[in-house]
Amino acid sequence: MNPLPSDEELTRRVRESERREVMTYWAIVALMGLAFAGFKPAMYLFAVMLLLVPAGLVLIVCASALFQSLALMGVSVVDDATPKRD
């Protein structure tokens, strides 16, 4: 059984996750800027991104509905053996 991570480790993981999230936002803004400036490869990437994001959201909504339906039927999709922090 794995020991629970310390508070410092959890804080470090959250900061790294936030940093990656901000870098992703800036990359999207830069891609949008290049696309609107007329840079052809960025225009194609931006168009693909606009097509894939709604498809991803639809998949997330469908998966969420499936998991909720399974939970209502009493089926657990979560590993209950994971240790919980008090």
PDB file of N, CA and C in Angstrom:
ATOM      1  N   MET A   1       0.841  -1.175   0.000  1.00  0.00           N
ATOM      2  CA  MET A   1       0.000   0.000   0.000  1.00  0.00           C
ATOM      3  C   MET A   1       0.889   1.242   0.000  1.00  0.00           C
ATOM      4  N   ASN A   2       0.590   2.163  -0.860  1.00  0.00           N
ATOM      5  CA  ASN A   2       1.399   3.372  -0.958  1.00  0.00           C
ATOM      6  C   ASN A   2       1.032   4.356   0.146  1.00  0.00           C
ATOM      7  N   PRO A   3       2.054   4.971   0.760  1.00  0.00           N
ATOM      8  CA  PRO A   3       1.739   5.996   1.767  1.00  0.00           C
ATOM      9  C   PRO A   3       1.176   7.246   1.084  1.00  0.00           C
ATOM     10  N   LEU A   4       0.389   7.983   1.823  1.00  0.00           N
ATOM     11  CA  LEU A   4      -0.184   9.214   1.279  1.00  0.00           C
ATOM     12  C   LEU A   4       0.905  10.269   1.123  1.00  0.00           C
ATOM     13  N   PRO A   5       0.848  11.075   0.067  1.00  0.00           N
ATOM     14  CA  PRO A   5       1.859  12.120  -0.117  1.00  0.00           C
ATOM     15  C   PRO A   5       1.720  13.205   0.948  1.00  0.00           C
ATOM     16  N   SER A   6       2.842  13.839   1.240  1.00  0.00           N
ATOM     17  CA  SER A   6       2.834  14.904   2.244  1.00  0.00           C
ATOM     18  C   SER A   6       2.158  16.150   1.684  1.00  0.00           C
ATOM     19  N   ASP A   7       1.868  17.088   2.579  1.00  0.00           N
ATOM     20  CA  ASP A   7       1.240  18.341   2.147  1.00  0.00           C
ATOM     21  C   ASP A   7       2.142  19.112   1.199  1.00  0.00           C
ATOM     22  N   GLU A   8       3.467  19.060   1.442  1.00  0.00           N
ATOM     23  CA  GLU A   8       4.403  19.759   0.559  1.00  0.00           C
ATOM     24  C   GLU A   8       4.382  19.153  -0.844  1.00  0.00           C
ATOM     25  N   GLU A   9       4.306  17.828  -0.909  1.00  0.00           N
ATOM     26  CA  GLU A   9       4.254  17.152  -2.208  1.00  0.00           C
ATOM     27  C   GLU A   9       2.964  17.500  -2.948  1.00  0.00           C
ATOM     28  N   LEU A  10       1.858  17.526  -2.231  1.00  0.00           N
ATOM     29  CA  LEU A  10       0.583  17.892  -2.856  1.00  0.00           C
ATOM     30  C   LEU A  10       0.606  19.335  -3.354  1.00  0.00           C
ATOM     31  N   THR A  11       1.190  20.236  -2.555  1.00  0.00           N
ATOM     32  CA  THR A  11       1.307  21.640  -2.963  1.00  0.00           C
ATOM     33  C   THR A  11       2.159  21.756  -4.212  1.00  0.00           C
ATOM     34  N   ARG A  12       3.263  21.008  -4.268  1.00  0.00           N
ATOM     35  CA  ARG A  12       4.141  21.045  -5.439  1.00  0.00           C
ATOM     36  C   ARG A  12       3.406  20.541  -6.682  1.00  0.00           C
ATOM     37  N   ARG A  13       2.649  19.470  -6.529  1.00  0.00           N
ATOM     38  CA  ARG A  13       1.895  18.925  -7.667  1.00  0.00           C
ATOM     39  C   ARG A  13       0.852  19.918  -8.174  1.00  0.00           C
ATOM     40  N   VAL A  14       0.173  20.595  -7.243  1.00  0.00           N
ATOM     41  CA  VAL A  14      -0.838  21.581  -7.643  1.00  0.00           C
ATOM     42  C   VAL A  14      -0.183  22.734  -8.387  1.00  0.00           C
ATOM     43  N   ARG A  15       0.964  23.211  -7.885  1.00  0.00           N
ATOM     44  CA  ARG A  15       1.660  24.320  -8.560  1.00  0.00           C
ATOM     45  C   ARG A  15       2.117  23.918  -9.957  1.00  0.00           C
ATOM     46  N   GLU A  16       2.642  22.699 -10.102  1.00  0.00           N
ATOM     47  CA  GLU A  16       3.058  22.230 -11.429  1.00  0.00           C
ATOM     48  C   GLU A  16       1.862  22.134 -12.369  1.00  0.00           C
ATOM     49  N   SER A  17       0.743  21.650 -11.864  1.00  0.00           N
ATOM     50  CA  SER A  17      -0.461  21.541 -12.679  1.00  0.00           C
ATOM     51  C   SER A  17      -0.950  22.923 -13.118  1.00  0.00           C
ATOM     52  N   GLU A  18      -0.934  23.888 -12.193  1.00  0.00           N
ATOM     53  CA  GLU A  18      -1.350  25.251 -12.537  1.00  0.00           C
ATOM     54  C   GLU A  18      -0.408  25.863 -13.564  1.00  0.00           C
ATOM     55  N   ARG A  19       0.888  25.598 -13.428  1.00  0.00           N
ATOM     56  CA  ARG A  19       1.867  26.146 -14.374  1.00  0.00           C
ATOM     57  C   ARG A  19       1.629  25.577 -15.772  1.00  0.00           C
ATOM     58  N   ARG A  20       1.380  24.271 -15.864  1.00  0.00           N
ATOM     59  CA  ARG A  20       1.087  23.656 -17.166  1.00  0.00           C
ATOM     60  C   ARG A  20      -0.197  24.223 -17.763  1.00  0.00           C
ATOM     61  N   GLU A  21      -1.185  24.462 -16.910  1.00  0.00           N
ATOM     62  CA  GLU A  21      -2.451  25.012 -17.386  1.00  0.00           C
ATOM     63  C   GLU A  21      -2.248  26.413 -17.971  1.00  0.00           C
ATOM     64  N   VAL A  22      -1.494  27.256 -17.282  1.00  0.00           N
ATOM     65  CA  VAL A  22      -1.232  28.612 -17.770  1.00  0.00           C
ATOM     66  C   VAL A  22      -0.436  28.562 -19.070  1.00  0.00           C
ATOM     67  N   MET A  23       0.546  27.673 -19.154  1.00  0.00           N
ATOM     68  CA  MET A  23       1.325  27.550 -20.389  1.00  0.00           C
ATOM     69  C   MET A  23       0.433  27.097 -21.548  1.00  0.00           C
ATOM     70  N   THR A  24      -0.524  26.217 -21.270  1.00  0.00           N
ATOM     71  CA  THR A  24      -1.454  25.775 -22.312  1.00  0.00           C
ATOM     72  C   THR A  24      -2.307  26.935 -22.795  1.00  0.00           C
ATOM     73  N   TYR A  25      -2.802  27.748 -21.862  1.00  0.00           N
ATOM     74  CA  TYR A  25      -3.601  28.914 -22.260  1.00  0.00           C
ATOM     75  C   TYR A  25      -2.796  29.863 -23.136  1.00  0.00           C
ATOM     76  N   TRP A  26      -1.540  30.134 -22.759  1.00  0.00           N
ATOM     77  CA  TRP A  26      -0.708  31.040 -23.557  1.00  0.00           C
ATOM     78  C   TRP A  26      -0.412  30.448 -24.928  1.00  0.00           C
ATOM     79  N   ALA A  27      -0.239  29.132 -24.997  1.00  0.00           N
ATOM     80  CA  ALA A  27      -0.007  28.495 -26.302  1.00  0.00           C
ATOM     81  C   ALA A  27      -1.238  28.645 -27.196  1.00  0.00           C
ATOM     82  N   ILE A  28      -2.430  28.504 -26.618  1.00  0.00           N
ATOM     83  CA  ILE A  28      -3.656  28.675 -27.401  1.00  0.00           C
ATOM     84  C   ILE A  28      -3.793  30.118 -27.865  1.00  0.00           C
ATOM     85  N   VAL A  29      -3.480  31.074 -26.984  1.00  0.00           N
ATOM     86  CA  VAL A  29      -3.548  32.492 -27.365  1.00  0.00           C
ATOM     87  C   VAL A  29      -2.557  32.787 -28.486  1.00  0.00           C
ATOM     88  N   ALA A  30      -1.340  32.244 -28.384  1.00  0.00           N
ATOM     89  CA  ALA A  30      -0.342  32.460 -29.441  1.00  0.00           C
ATOM     90  C   ALA A  30      -0.804  31.838 -30.757  1.00  0.00           C
ATOM     91  N   LEU A  31      -1.378  30.644 -30.690  1.00  0.00           N
ATOM     92  CA  LEU A  31      -1.895  29.991 -31.896  1.00  0.00           C
ATOM     93  C   LEU A  31      -3.013  30.815 -32.528  1.00  0.00           C
ATOM     94  N   MET A  32      -3.904  31.349 -31.693  1.00  0.00           N
ATOM     95  CA  MET A  32      -4.980  32.190 -32.211  1.00  0.00           C
ATOM     96  C   MET A  32      -4.415  33.451 -32.858  1.00  0.00           C
ATOM     97  N   GLY A  33      -3.413  34.049 -32.216  1.00  0.00           N
ATOM     98  CA  GLY A  33      -2.800  35.250 -32.783  1.00  0.00           C
ATOM     99  C   GLY A  33      -2.176  34.983 -34.136  1.00  0.00           C
ATOM    100  N   LEU A  34      -1.444  33.883 -34.243  1.00  0.00           N
ATOM    101  CA  LEU A  34      -0.835  33.530 -35.527  1.00  0.00           C
ATOM    102  C   LEU A  34      -1.897  33.211 -36.579  1.00  0.00           C
ATOM    103  N   ALA A  35      -2.964  32.540 -36.159  1.00  0.00           N
ATOM    104  CA  ALA A  35      -4.029  32.196 -37.111  1.00  0.00           C
ATOM    105  C   ALA A  35      -4.705  33.452 -37.647  1.00  0.00           C
ATOM    106  N   PHE A  36      -5.004  34.390 -36.758  1.00  0.00           N
ATOM    107  CA  PHE A  36      -5.668  35.617 -37.200  1.00  0.00           C
ATOM    108  C   PHE A  36      -4.726  36.538 -37.964  1.00  0.00           C
ATOM    109  N   ALA A  37      -3.417  36.339 -37.791  1.00  0.00           N
ATOM    110  CA  ALA A  37      -2.447  37.132 -38.553  1.00  0.00           C
ATOM    111  C   ALA A  37      -2.251  36.568 -39.959  1.00  0.00           C
ATOM    112  N   GLY A  38      -2.813  35.401 -40.233  1.00  0.00           N
ATOM    113  CA  GLY A  38      -2.747  34.840 -41.577  1.00  0.00           C
ATOM    114  C   GLY A  38      -1.695  33.768 -41.771  1.00  0.00           C
ATOM    115  N   PHE A  39      -1.082  33.270 -40.690  1.00  0.00           N
ATOM    116  CA  PHE A  39      -0.081  32.207 -40.783  1.00  0.00           C
ATOM    117  C   PHE A  39      -0.815  30.886 -41.044  1.00  0.00           C
ATOM    118  N   LYS A  40      -0.635  30.332 -42.254  1.00  0.00           N
ATOM    119  CA  LYS A  40      -1.443  29.190 -42.717  1.00  0.00           C
ATOM    120  C   LYS A  40      -1.394  27.965 -41.791  1.00  0.00           C
ATOM    121  N   PRO A  41      -0.211  27.488 -41.352  1.00  0.00           N
ATOM    122  CA  PRO A  41      -0.225  26.308 -40.472  1.00  0.00           C
ATOM    123  C   PRO A  41      -1.004  26.549 -39.181  1.00  0.00           C
ATOM    124  N   ALA A  42      -0.888  27.757 -38.631  1.00  0.00           N
ATOM    125  CA  ALA A  42      -1.632  28.068 -37.408  1.00  0.00           C
ATOM    126  C   ALA A  42      -3.129  28.114 -37.683  1.00  0.00           C
ATOM    127  N   MET A  43      -3.504  28.570 -38.884  1.00  0.00           N
ATOM    128  CA  MET A  43      -4.927  28.600 -39.233  1.00  0.00           C
ATOM    129  C   MET A  43      -5.493  27.183 -39.279  1.00  0.00           C
ATOM    130  N   TYR A  44      -4.728  26.259 -39.855  1.00  0.00           N
ATOM    131  CA  TYR A  44      -5.191  24.872 -39.930  1.00  0.00           C
ATOM    132  C   TYR A  44      -5.267  24.242 -38.534  1.00  0.00           C
ATOM    133  N   LEU A  45      -4.249  24.476 -37.706  1.00  0.00           N
ATOM    134  CA  LEU A  45      -4.263  23.932 -36.347  1.00  0.00           C
ATOM    135  C   LEU A  45      -5.430  24.494 -35.541  1.00  0.00           C
ATOM    136  N   PHE A  46      -5.671  25.794 -35.697  1.00  0.00           N
ATOM    137  CA  PHE A  46      -6.769  26.433 -34.974  1.00  0.00           C
ATOM    138  C   PHE A  46      -8.108  25.844 -35.421  1.00  0.00           C
ATOM    139  N   ALA A  47      -8.262  25.595 -36.717  1.00  0.00           N
ATOM    140  CA  ALA A  47      -9.500  24.998 -37.224  1.00  0.00           C
ATOM    141  C   ALA A  47      -9.694  23.586 -36.668  1.00  0.00           C
ATOM    142  N   VAL A  48      -8.627  22.807 -36.629  1.00  0.00           N
ATOM    143  CA  VAL A  48      -8.713  21.449 -36.069  1.00  0.00           C
ATOM    144  C   VAL A  48      -9.065  21.518 -34.591  1.00  0.00           C
ATOM    145  N   MET A  49      -8.448  22.466 -33.874  1.00  0.00           N
ATOM    146  CA  MET A  49      -8.732  22.619 -32.449  1.00  0.00           C
ATOM    147  C   MET A  49     -10.202  22.983 -32.234  1.00  0.00           C
ATOM    148  N   LEU A  50     -10.735  23.861 -33.077  1.00  0.00           N
ATOM    149  CA  LEU A  50     -12.148  24.233 -32.948  1.00  0.00           C
ATOM    150  C   LEU A  50     -13.070  23.046 -33.215  1.00  0.00           C
ATOM    151  N   LEU A  51     -12.629  22.108 -34.040  1.00  0.00           N
ATOM    152  CA  LEU A  51     -13.437  20.919 -34.305  1.00  0.00           C
ATOM    153  C   LEU A  51     -13.316  19.882 -33.192  1.00  0.00           C
ATOM    154  N   LEU A  52     -12.121  19.750 -32.608  1.00  0.00           N
ATOM    155  CA  LEU A  52     -11.894  18.702 -31.618  1.00  0.00           C
ATOM    156  C   LEU A  52     -12.414  19.057 -30.230  1.00  0.00           C
ATOM    157  N   VAL A  53     -12.395  20.328 -29.863  1.00  0.00           N
ATOM    158  CA  VAL A  53     -12.826  20.709 -28.514  1.00  0.00           C
ATOM    159  C   VAL A  53     -14.294  20.354 -28.272  1.00  0.00           C
ATOM    160  N   PRO A  54     -15.221  20.700 -29.181  1.00  0.00           N
ATOM    161  CA  PRO A  54     -16.614  20.287 -28.931  1.00  0.00           C
ATOM    162  C   PRO A  54     -16.783  18.769 -28.886  1.00  0.00           C
ATOM    163  N   ALA A  55     -16.044  18.048 -29.715  1.00  0.00           N
ATOM    164  CA  ALA A  55     -16.135  16.582 -29.691  1.00  0.00           C
ATOM    165  C   ALA A  55     -15.667  16.047 -28.339  1.00  0.00           C
ATOM    166  N   GLY A  56     -14.598  16.620 -27.802  1.00  0.00           N
ATOM    167  CA  GLY A  56     -14.114  16.216 -26.484  1.00  0.00           C
ATOM    168  C   GLY A  56     -15.121  16.516 -25.389  1.00  0.00           C
ATOM    169  N   LEU A  57     -15.780  17.671 -25.486  1.00  0.00           N
ATOM    170  CA  LEU A  57     -16.797  18.018 -24.492  1.00  0.00           C
ATOM    171  C   LEU A  57     -17.981  17.056 -24.553  1.00  0.00           C
ATOM    172  N   VAL A  58     -18.369  16.661 -25.751  1.00  0.00           N
ATOM    173  CA  VAL A  58     -19.466  15.697 -25.900  1.00  0.00           C
ATOM    174  C   VAL A  58     -19.078  14.366 -25.266  1.00  0.00           C
ATOM    175  N   LEU A  59     -17.835  13.927 -25.478  1.00  0.00           N
ATOM    176  CA  LEU A  59     -17.385  12.675 -24.867  1.00  0.00           C
ATOM    177  C   LEU A  59     -17.391  12.764 -23.348  1.00  0.00           C
ATOM    178  N   ILE A  60     -16.971  13.901 -22.806  1.00  0.00           N
ATOM    179  CA  ILE A  60     -16.959  14.078 -21.347  1.00  0.00           C
ATOM    180  C   ILE A  60     -18.380  14.020 -20.796  1.00  0.00           C
ATOM    181  N   VAL A  61     -19.313  14.693 -21.456  1.00  0.00           N
ATOM    182  CA  VAL A  61     -20.708  14.692 -20.994  1.00  0.00           C
ATOM    183  C   VAL A  61     -21.291  13.278 -21.060  1.00  0.00           C
ATOM    184  N   CYS A  62     -21.015  12.556 -22.142  1.00  0.00           N
ATOM    185  CA  CYS A  62     -21.527  11.182 -22.274  1.00  0.00           C
ATOM    186  C   CYS A  62     -20.930  10.268 -21.208  1.00  0.00           C
ATOM    187  N   ALA A  63     -19.635  10.394 -20.961  1.00  0.00           N
ATOM    188  CA  ALA A  63     -18.996   9.566 -19.937  1.00  0.00           C
ATOM    189  C   ALA A  63     -19.554   9.896 -18.557  1.00  0.00           C
ATOM    190  N   SER A  64     -19.770  11.171 -18.288  1.00  0.00           N
ATOM    191  CA  SER A  64     -20.338  11.577 -17.006  1.00  0.00           C
ATOM    192  C   SER A  64     -21.735  10.990 -16.822  1.00  0.00           C
ATOM    193  N   ALA A  65     -22.550  11.055 -17.868  1.00  0.00           N
ATOM    194  CA  ALA A  65     -23.903  10.486 -17.791  1.00  0.00           C
ATOM    195  C   ALA A  65     -23.845   8.977 -17.576  1.00  0.00           C
ATOM    196  N   LEU A  66     -22.907   8.307 -18.244  1.00  0.00           N
ATOM    197  CA  LEU A  66     -22.760   6.861 -18.072  1.00  0.00           C
ATOM    198  C   LEU A  66     -22.383   6.521 -16.635  1.00  0.00           C
ATOM    199  N   PHE A  67     -21.389   7.242 -16.078  1.00  0.00           N
ATOM    200  CA  PHE A  67     -20.961   6.964 -14.709  1.00  0.00           C
ATOM    201  C   PHE A  67     -22.075   7.259 -13.708  1.00  0.00           C
ATOM    202  N   GLN A  68     -22.854   8.314 -13.946  1.00  0.00           N
ATOM    203  CA  GLN A  68     -23.970   8.610 -13.048  1.00  0.00           C
ATOM    204  C   GLN A  68     -25.032   7.517 -13.130  1.00  0.00           C
ATOM    205  N   SER A  69     -25.300   7.030 -14.322  1.00  0.00           N
ATOM    206  CA  SER A  69     -26.279   5.951 -14.484  1.00  0.00           C
ATOM    207  C   SER A  69     -25.805   4.684 -13.780  1.00  0.00           C
ATOM    208  N   LEU A  70     -24.525   4.367 -13.937  1.00  0.00           N
ATOM    209  CA  LEU A  70     -23.982   3.188 -13.258  1.00  0.00           C
ATOM    210  C   LEU A  70     -24.050   3.352 -11.746  1.00  0.00           C
ATOM    211  N   ALA A  71     -23.779   4.568 -11.260  1.00  0.00           N
ATOM    212  CA  ALA A  71     -23.837   4.807  -9.820  1.00  0.00           C
ATOM    213  C   ALA A  71     -25.264   4.649  -9.300  1.00  0.00           C
ATOM    214  N   LEU A  72     -26.245   5.097 -10.071  1.00  0.00           N
ATOM    215  CA  LEU A  72     -27.643   4.934  -9.657  1.00  0.00           C
ATOM    216  C   LEU A  72     -28.044   3.464  -9.613  1.00  0.00           C
ATOM    217  N   MET A  73     -27.416   2.645 -10.452  1.00  0.00           N
ATOM    218  CA  MET A  73     -27.708   1.207 -10.452  1.00  0.00           C
ATOM    219  C   MET A  73     -26.908   0.471  -9.384  1.00  0.00           C
ATOM    220  N   GLY A  74     -26.034   1.188  -8.681  1.00  0.00           N
ATOM    221  CA  GLY A  74     -25.262   0.575  -7.615  1.00  0.00           C
ATOM    222  C   GLY A  74     -23.929   0.018  -8.047  1.00  0.00           C
ATOM    223  N   VAL A  75     -23.502   0.297  -9.268  1.00  0.00           N
ATOM    224  CA  VAL A  75     -22.220  -0.188  -9.768  1.00  0.00           C
ATOM    225  C   VAL A  75     -21.149   0.841  -9.425  1.00  0.00           C
ATOM    226  N   SER A  76     -20.083   0.402  -8.770  1.00  0.00           N
ATOM    227  CA  SER A  76     -19.003   1.318  -8.406  1.00  0.00           C
ATOM    228  C   SER A  76     -17.930   1.301  -9.484  1.00  0.00           C
ATOM    229  N   VAL A  77     -17.597   2.468 -10.005  1.00  0.00           N
ATOM    230  CA  VAL A  77     -16.544   2.568 -11.015  1.00  0.00           C
ATOM    231  C   VAL A  77     -15.262   3.145 -10.423  1.00  0.00           C
ATOM    232  N   VAL A  78     -15.264   3.358  -9.104  1.00  0.00           N
ATOM    233  CA  VAL A  78     -14.108   3.931  -8.418  1.00  0.00           C
ATOM    234  C   VAL A  78     -13.469   2.843  -7.574  1.00  0.00           C
ATOM    235  N   ASP A  79     -12.149   2.817  -7.553  1.00  0.00           N
ATOM    236  CA  ASP A  79     -11.430   1.849  -6.732  1.00  0.00           C
ATOM    237  C   ASP A  79     -11.587   2.244  -5.269  1.00  0.00           C
ATOM    238  N   ASP A  80     -12.342   1.448  -4.513  1.00  0.00           N
ATOM    239  CA  ASP A  80     -12.586   1.775  -3.111  1.00  0.00           C
ATOM    240  C   ASP A  80     -11.415   1.407  -2.215  1.00  0.00           C
ATOM    241  N   ALA A  81     -10.378   0.790  -2.757  1.00  0.00           N
ATOM    242  CA  ALA A  81      -9.239   0.380  -1.949  1.00  0.00           C
ATOM    243  C   ALA A  81      -8.236   1.511  -1.748  1.00  0.00           C
ATOM    244  N   THR A  82      -8.465   2.650  -2.387  1.00  0.00           N
ATOM    245  CA  THR A  82      -7.518   3.762  -2.231  1.00  0.00           C
ATOM    246  C   THR A  82      -7.636   4.350  -0.835  1.00  0.00           C
ATOM    247  N   PRO A  83      -6.503   4.619  -0.190  1.00  0.00           N
ATOM    248  CA  PRO A  83      -6.573   5.203   1.156  1.00  0.00           C
ATOM    249  C   PRO A  83      -7.106   6.634   1.097  1.00  0.00           C
ATOM    250  N   LYS A  84      -7.856   7.001   2.078  1.00  0.00           N
ATOM    251  CA  LYS A  84      -8.436   8.341   2.144  1.00  0.00           C
ATOM    252  C   LYS A  84      -7.694   9.162   3.196  1.00  0.00           C
ATOM    253  N   ARG A  85      -7.557  10.450   2.922  1.00  0.00           N
ATOM    254  CA  ARG A  85      -6.948  11.353   3.916  1.00  0.00           C
ATOM    255  C   ARG A  85      -8.025  11.845   4.861  1.00  0.00           C
ATOM    256  N   ASP A  86      -7.705  11.912   6.115  1.00  0.00           N
ATOM    257  CA  ASP A  86      -8.669  12.448   7.106  1.00  0.00           C
ATOM    258  C   ASP A  86      -8.443  13.912   7.320  1.00  0.00           C
TER     259      ASP A  86
END
